[in-house]
Amino acid sequence: MLSDLEKKNLEVHVEKQELRDQAINEALLDIERKIVDLVEANKELKKMIDEDRENRSNQLIKWGAAIIAALVSALGMLFIRLIMPSLIGRIH
C-alpha cells in the first residue's frame, strides 16, 4: 500500500496519510448524513401510517353508524307498516 516515495520520505507519507484520513472522514460523514435522512424518512413514514390508521378507524365508525341508522329506520318502517295497523285495529 505504501509507494516507494512514501517509504523513502516521511513527509510524503504523512501528507498522503492525511489525505486518506480526510477521505475516510468525508465518507463517514456522508454515511452519517444518509443515516440521519433515513431516520427522518422513517419517522415521517410512521407518522403517515398512524394518520392513515386513524382515518381508517374513523371511516369504519362512520360506516357502522350509518348501517345502524339504516337498520333502525328499517325497523321503524316495519313497525309503522306492520304492527301499528294491528294495534290501531284492536283499539277500534
N, C-alpha and C. Protein backbone atom coordinates (compact mmCIF):
# COMPACT_ATOMS: atom_id res chain seq x y z
N MET A 1 0.82 -1.18 0.00
CA MET A 1 0.00 0.00 0.00
C MET A 1 0.87 1.26 0.00
N LEU A 2 2.01 1.19 0.58
CA LEU A 2 2.91 2.35 0.58
C LEU A 2 3.69 2.39 -0.73
N SER A 3 3.77 3.58 -1.30
CA SER A 3 4.57 3.74 -2.52
C SER A 3 6.05 3.82 -2.16
N ASP A 4 6.90 3.66 -3.17
CA ASP A 4 8.35 3.76 -2.93
C ASP A 4 8.70 5.13 -2.39
N LEU A 5 8.02 6.16 -2.92
CA LEU A 5 8.30 7.53 -2.47
C LEU A 5 7.96 7.69 -0.99
N GLU A 6 6.83 7.08 -0.57
CA GLU A 6 6.43 7.18 0.84
C GLU A 6 7.44 6.46 1.74
N LYS A 7 7.97 5.35 1.25
CA LYS A 7 8.94 4.60 2.05
C LYS A 7 10.21 5.40 2.27
N LYS A 8 10.57 6.23 1.29
CA LYS A 8 11.81 6.99 1.38
C LYS A 8 11.62 8.33 2.07
N ASN A 9 10.41 8.90 2.00
CA ASN A 9 10.20 10.25 2.51
C ASN A 9 9.04 10.25 3.50
N LEU A 10 9.34 10.51 4.75
CA LEU A 10 8.33 10.50 5.81
C LEU A 10 7.29 11.60 5.60
N GLU A 11 7.70 12.77 5.12
CA GLU A 11 6.74 13.87 4.90
C GLU A 11 5.68 13.49 3.87
N VAL A 12 6.11 12.86 2.79
CA VAL A 12 5.16 12.42 1.76
C VAL A 12 4.19 11.41 2.36
N HIS A 13 4.72 10.51 3.14
CA HIS A 13 3.86 9.50 3.78
C HIS A 13 2.83 10.17 4.69
N VAL A 14 3.25 11.12 5.50
CA VAL A 14 2.34 11.81 6.42
C VAL A 14 1.28 12.58 5.64
N GLU A 15 1.67 13.28 4.57
CA GLU A 15 0.71 14.03 3.77
C GLU A 15 -0.31 13.10 3.10
N LYS A 16 0.19 12.00 2.55
CA LYS A 16 -0.73 11.06 1.90
C LYS A 16 -1.68 10.43 2.93
N GLN A 17 -1.15 10.17 4.12
CA GLN A 17 -2.00 9.59 5.16
C GLN A 17 -3.06 10.59 5.60
N GLU A 18 -2.73 11.86 5.67
CA GLU A 18 -3.72 12.89 6.00
C GLU A 18 -4.82 12.93 4.94
N LEU A 19 -4.43 12.82 3.67
CA LEU A 19 -5.43 12.80 2.59
C LEU A 19 -6.32 11.58 2.72
N ARG A 20 -5.72 10.44 3.04
CA ARG A 20 -6.53 9.22 3.22
C ARG A 20 -7.50 9.39 4.39
N ASP A 21 -7.00 9.96 5.49
CA ASP A 21 -7.84 10.18 6.66
C ASP A 21 -8.99 11.14 6.34
N GLN A 22 -8.70 12.19 5.58
CA GLN A 22 -9.75 13.13 5.18
C GLN A 22 -10.81 12.43 4.34
N ALA A 23 -10.37 11.60 3.41
CA ALA A 23 -11.31 10.88 2.55
C ALA A 23 -12.19 9.95 3.39
N ILE A 24 -11.57 9.28 4.35
CA ILE A 24 -12.34 8.38 5.22
C ILE A 24 -13.33 9.19 6.06
N ASN A 25 -12.89 10.31 6.62
CA ASN A 25 -13.79 11.15 7.42
C ASN A 25 -14.94 11.68 6.60
N GLU A 26 -14.68 12.10 5.36
CA GLU A 26 -15.75 12.58 4.49
C GLU A 26 -16.74 11.47 4.17
N ALA A 27 -16.21 10.27 3.93
CA ALA A 27 -17.08 9.13 3.66
C ALA A 27 -17.95 8.81 4.87
N LEU A 28 -17.35 8.86 6.06
CA LEU A 28 -18.11 8.60 7.29
C LEU A 28 -19.18 9.67 7.52
N LEU A 29 -18.83 10.92 7.26
CA LEU A 29 -19.83 12.00 7.40
C LEU A 29 -20.97 11.81 6.41
N ASP A 30 -20.64 11.39 5.20
CA ASP A 30 -21.68 11.15 4.19
C ASP A 30 -22.60 10.02 4.64
N ILE A 31 -22.00 8.96 5.18
CA ILE A 31 -22.81 7.84 5.69
C ILE A 31 -23.70 8.31 6.84
N GLU A 32 -23.13 9.12 7.72
CA GLU A 32 -23.92 9.64 8.86
C GLU A 32 -25.10 10.48 8.37
N ARG A 33 -24.86 11.33 7.36
CA ARG A 33 -25.95 12.14 6.80
C ARG A 33 -27.05 11.26 6.21
N LYS A 34 -26.62 10.22 5.52
CA LYS A 34 -27.61 9.31 4.92
C LYS A 34 -28.41 8.58 5.99
N ILE A 35 -27.76 8.20 7.07
CA ILE A 35 -28.47 7.53 8.17
C ILE A 35 -29.47 8.49 8.81
N VAL A 36 -29.07 9.74 9.02
CA VAL A 36 -29.98 10.74 9.58
C VAL A 36 -31.17 10.93 8.65
N ASP A 37 -30.91 11.00 7.34
CA ASP A 37 -32.01 11.13 6.38
C ASP A 37 -32.95 9.94 6.45
N LEU A 38 -32.39 8.74 6.58
CA LEU A 38 -33.23 7.54 6.68
C LEU A 38 -34.07 7.55 7.95
N VAL A 39 -33.49 7.99 9.05
CA VAL A 39 -34.24 8.07 10.31
C VAL A 39 -35.39 9.06 10.17
N GLU A 40 -35.13 10.21 9.56
CA GLU A 40 -36.18 11.21 9.37
C GLU A 40 -37.28 10.67 8.45
N ALA A 41 -36.88 9.99 7.38
CA ALA A 41 -37.86 9.42 6.46
C ALA A 41 -38.69 8.35 7.18
N ASN A 42 -38.05 7.57 8.03
CA ASN A 42 -38.75 6.54 8.79
C ASN A 42 -39.78 7.16 9.74
N LYS A 43 -39.39 8.27 10.40
CA LYS A 43 -40.33 8.96 11.29
C LYS A 43 -41.53 9.48 10.51
N GLU A 44 -41.27 10.07 9.35
CA GLU A 44 -42.36 10.61 8.52
C GLU A 44 -43.28 9.49 8.04
N LEU A 45 -42.69 8.37 7.65
CA LEU A 45 -43.49 7.23 7.20
C LEU A 45 -44.35 6.69 8.34
N LYS A 46 -43.79 6.59 9.54
CA LYS A 46 -44.56 6.13 10.70
C LYS A 46 -45.71 7.08 10.99
N LYS A 47 -45.44 8.38 10.89
CA LYS A 47 -46.50 9.37 11.12
C LYS A 47 -47.62 9.21 10.10
N MET A 48 -47.25 9.00 8.84
CA MET A 48 -48.26 8.83 7.79
C MET A 48 -49.07 7.56 8.02
N ILE A 49 -48.41 6.49 8.44
CA ILE A 49 -49.12 5.23 8.71
C ILE A 49 -50.09 5.40 9.87
N ASP A 50 -49.65 6.08 10.93
CA ASP A 50 -50.52 6.32 12.09
C ASP A 50 -51.74 7.16 11.70
N GLU A 51 -51.51 8.21 10.89
CA GLU A 51 -52.62 9.05 10.44
C GLU A 51 -53.59 8.26 9.57
N ASP A 52 -53.05 7.41 8.70
CA ASP A 52 -53.89 6.60 7.83
C ASP A 52 -54.72 5.61 8.65
N ARG A 53 -54.08 5.02 9.67
CA ARG A 53 -54.80 4.08 10.53
C ARG A 53 -55.94 4.78 11.27
N GLU A 54 -55.67 6.00 11.76
CA GLU A 54 -56.70 6.76 12.47
C GLU A 54 -57.84 7.13 11.53
N ASN A 55 -57.50 7.57 10.32
CA ASN A 55 -58.54 7.91 9.34
C ASN A 55 -59.38 6.69 9.00
N ARG A 56 -58.74 5.54 8.86
CA ARG A 56 -59.46 4.31 8.53
C ARG A 56 -60.41 3.93 9.68
N SER A 57 -59.94 4.07 10.91
CA SER A 57 -60.80 3.76 12.06
C SER A 57 -62.01 4.68 12.09
N ASN A 58 -61.78 5.97 11.86
CA ASN A 58 -62.90 6.92 11.84
C ASN A 58 -63.87 6.58 10.72
N GLN A 59 -63.36 6.18 9.58
CA GLN A 59 -64.22 5.82 8.45
C GLN A 59 -65.08 4.60 8.80
N LEU A 60 -64.47 3.60 9.43
CA LEU A 60 -65.23 2.41 9.81
C LEU A 60 -66.30 2.74 10.84
N ILE A 61 -66.00 3.62 11.77
CA ILE A 61 -67.00 4.04 12.77
C ILE A 61 -68.17 4.74 12.08
N LYS A 62 -67.88 5.61 11.13
CA LYS A 62 -68.94 6.32 10.40
C LYS A 62 -69.80 5.34 9.61
N TRP A 63 -69.15 4.37 8.94
CA TRP A 63 -69.91 3.37 8.19
C TRP A 63 -70.79 2.55 9.13
N GLY A 64 -70.25 2.16 10.28
CA GLY A 64 -71.03 1.39 11.24
C GLY A 64 -72.23 2.18 11.74
N ALA A 65 -72.02 3.46 12.03
CA ALA A 65 -73.13 4.30 12.48
C ALA A 65 -74.19 4.43 11.40
N ALA A 66 -73.76 4.56 10.15
CA ALA A 66 -74.72 4.68 9.04
C ALA A 66 -75.52 3.39 8.88
N ILE A 67 -74.86 2.25 9.01
CA ILE A 67 -75.56 0.96 8.89
C ILE A 67 -76.56 0.79 10.04
N ILE A 68 -76.16 1.15 11.25
CA ILE A 68 -77.07 1.05 12.40
C ILE A 68 -78.26 1.98 12.20
N ALA A 69 -78.02 3.20 11.71
CA ALA A 69 -79.12 4.14 11.47
C ALA A 69 -80.07 3.58 10.41
N ALA A 70 -79.53 2.96 9.37
CA ALA A 70 -80.38 2.37 8.33
C ALA A 70 -81.21 1.23 8.90
N LEU A 71 -80.61 0.40 9.74
CA LEU A 71 -81.36 -0.71 10.35
C LEU A 71 -82.45 -0.20 11.28
N VAL A 72 -82.15 0.81 12.07
CA VAL A 72 -83.16 1.39 12.96
C VAL A 72 -84.29 1.99 12.14
N SER A 73 -83.96 2.66 11.05
CA SER A 73 -85.00 3.23 10.18
C SER A 73 -85.87 2.13 9.58
N ALA A 74 -85.23 1.04 9.14
CA ALA A 74 -85.99 -0.07 8.56
C ALA A 74 -86.90 -0.69 9.61
N LEU A 75 -86.40 -0.86 10.83
CA LEU A 75 -87.25 -1.40 11.90
C LEU A 75 -88.41 -0.46 12.21
N GLY A 76 -88.15 0.84 12.19
CA GLY A 76 -89.22 1.82 12.42
C GLY A 76 -90.28 1.73 11.34
N MET A 77 -89.85 1.61 10.09
CA MET A 77 -90.82 1.49 8.99
C MET A 77 -91.63 0.20 9.12
N LEU A 78 -90.94 -0.91 9.46
CA LEU A 78 -91.67 -2.17 9.64
C LEU A 78 -92.68 -2.05 10.78
N PHE A 79 -92.30 -1.40 11.86
CA PHE A 79 -93.21 -1.21 12.98
C PHE A 79 -94.43 -0.41 12.55
N ILE A 80 -94.17 0.69 11.83
CA ILE A 80 -95.28 1.55 11.40
C ILE A 80 -96.19 0.82 10.42
N ARG A 81 -95.66 0.08 9.50
CA ARG A 81 -96.48 -0.55 8.46
C ARG A 81 -97.12 -1.86 8.90
N LEU A 82 -96.45 -2.62 9.75
CA LEU A 82 -96.97 -3.94 10.08
C LEU A 82 -97.63 -4.01 11.46
N ILE A 83 -97.04 -3.39 12.43
CA ILE A 83 -97.54 -3.54 13.80
C ILE A 83 -98.55 -2.46 14.16
N MET A 84 -98.31 -1.23 13.75
CA MET A 84 -99.23 -0.14 14.09
C MET A 84 -100.65 -0.39 13.58
N PRO A 85 -100.85 -0.85 12.34
CA PRO A 85 -102.24 -1.09 11.90
C PRO A 85 -102.97 -2.12 12.76
N SER A 86 -102.26 -3.16 13.19
CA SER A 86 -102.93 -4.16 14.02
C SER A 86 -103.22 -3.61 15.41
N LEU A 87 -102.37 -2.74 15.93
CA LEU A 87 -102.63 -2.11 17.22
C LEU A 87 -103.81 -1.14 17.12
N ILE A 88 -103.86 -0.38 16.04
CA ILE A 88 -104.97 0.56 15.84
C ILE A 88 -106.27 -0.21 15.66
N GLY A 89 -106.22 -1.34 14.96
CA GLY A 89 -107.41 -2.17 14.76
C GLY A 89 -107.94 -2.72 16.07
N ARG A 90 -107.12 -3.02 17.01
CA ARG A 90 -107.55 -3.53 18.30
C ARG A 90 -108.20 -2.44 19.14
N ILE A 91 -107.74 -1.20 18.96
CA ILE A 91 -108.29 -0.10 19.73
C ILE A 91 -109.71 0.20 19.27
N HIS A 92 -109.97 0.12 17.98
CA HIS A 92 -111.31 0.45 17.46
C HIS A 92 -112.21 -0.67 17.65
